[in-house]
């Protein structure tokens, strides 16, 4: 079971690469966020959040992003 933070965020899945991180999180069980982070020399350069209401849409987008950006299946 995933840990829920004091702000109501619950990390469902996370994938990391040297320069890229993709995170799937639930916010109070009502919203789902896919967050994509780009790193350069260990410093976060940019971040983009995508917000969904439906969990299946968020998981589909997360899996598609992992395949497209990280090359994992």
Protein backbone atom coordinates (compact mmCIF):
# COMPACT_ATOMS: atom_id res chain seq x y z
CA UNK A 1 0.00 0.00 0.00
CA UNK A 2 1.33 3.40 -0.98
CA UNK A 3 1.95 6.13 1.55
CA UNK A 4 -0.39 9.15 1.52
CA UNK A 5 1.22 12.51 2.25
CA UNK A 6 -0.28 15.16 4.50
CA UNK A 7 -1.49 17.04 1.42
CA UNK A 8 -3.42 14.01 0.18
CA UNK A 9 -1.00 12.89 -2.56
CA UNK A 10 -0.57 9.17 -3.00
CA UNK A 11 2.13 7.93 -5.39
CA UNK A 12 0.76 5.06 -7.46
CA UNK A 13 3.72 4.50 -9.80
CA UNK A 14 7.07 6.14 -10.48
CA UNK A 15 9.72 5.56 -13.15
CA UNK A 16 13.12 7.21 -13.15
CA UNK A 17 15.85 7.52 -15.74
CA UNK A 18 19.05 9.56 -15.50
CA UNK A 19 17.50 12.63 -17.12
CA UNK A 20 13.78 11.93 -16.86
CA UNK A 21 11.25 11.03 -14.17
CA UNK A 22 7.58 10.15 -14.64
CA UNK A 23 5.19 10.00 -11.69
CA UNK A 24 1.57 8.84 -11.39
CA UNK A 25 -0.16 10.14 -8.25
CA UNK A 26 -3.66 10.30 -6.81
CA UNK A 27 -4.85 13.46 -5.07
CA UNK A 28 -7.42 12.66 -2.35
CA UNK A 29 -8.64 9.77 -4.53
CA UNK A 30 -10.54 12.19 -6.78
CA UNK A 31 -7.93 13.53 -9.21
CA UNK A 32 -4.99 11.82 -10.85
CA UNK A 33 -1.79 13.56 -11.89
CA UNK A 34 0.91 12.43 -14.30
CA UNK A 35 4.01 14.53 -13.71
CA UNK A 36 7.00 14.51 -16.07
CA UNK A 37 10.30 15.92 -14.76
CA UNK A 38 13.42 16.66 -16.81
CA UNK A 39 16.81 16.78 -15.06
CA UNK A 40 20.21 18.16 -16.07
CA UNK A 41 23.19 17.31 -13.84
CA UNK A 42 20.79 16.28 -11.09
CA UNK A 43 18.90 19.57 -11.10
CA UNK A 44 15.27 19.69 -12.17
CA UNK A 45 15.11 21.85 -15.28
CA UNK A 46 11.44 21.57 -16.17
CA UNK A 47 8.24 19.91 -15.02
CA UNK A 48 4.92 19.33 -16.74
CA UNK A 49 1.76 18.10 -14.97
CA UNK A 50 -1.21 16.46 -16.67
CA UNK A 51 -4.39 16.15 -14.62
CA UNK A 52 -7.16 13.55 -15.07
CA UNK A 53 -10.45 12.75 -13.34
CA UNK A 54 -10.57 9.09 -14.43
CA UNK A 55 -7.95 6.64 -13.13
CA UNK A 56 -7.94 4.53 -16.30
CA UNK A 57 -7.19 7.57 -18.47
CA UNK A 58 -4.35 8.58 -16.16
CA UNK A 59 -2.85 5.06 -16.17
CA UNK A 60 -3.13 4.86 -19.96
CA UNK A 61 -1.37 8.23 -20.37
CA UNK A 62 1.29 7.22 -17.82
CA UNK A 63 2.01 3.91 -19.57
CA UNK A 64 2.08 5.59 -22.98
CA UNK A 65 4.50 8.24 -21.67
CA UNK A 66 6.77 5.59 -20.16
CA UNK A 67 6.95 3.72 -23.48
CA UNK A 68 7.43 6.88 -25.54
CA UNK A 69 9.90 8.75 -23.31
CA UNK A 70 11.78 5.99 -21.49
CA UNK A 71 11.48 3.20 -24.05
CA UNK A 72 10.24 0.70 -21.43
CA UNK A 73 7.43 -1.75 -22.01
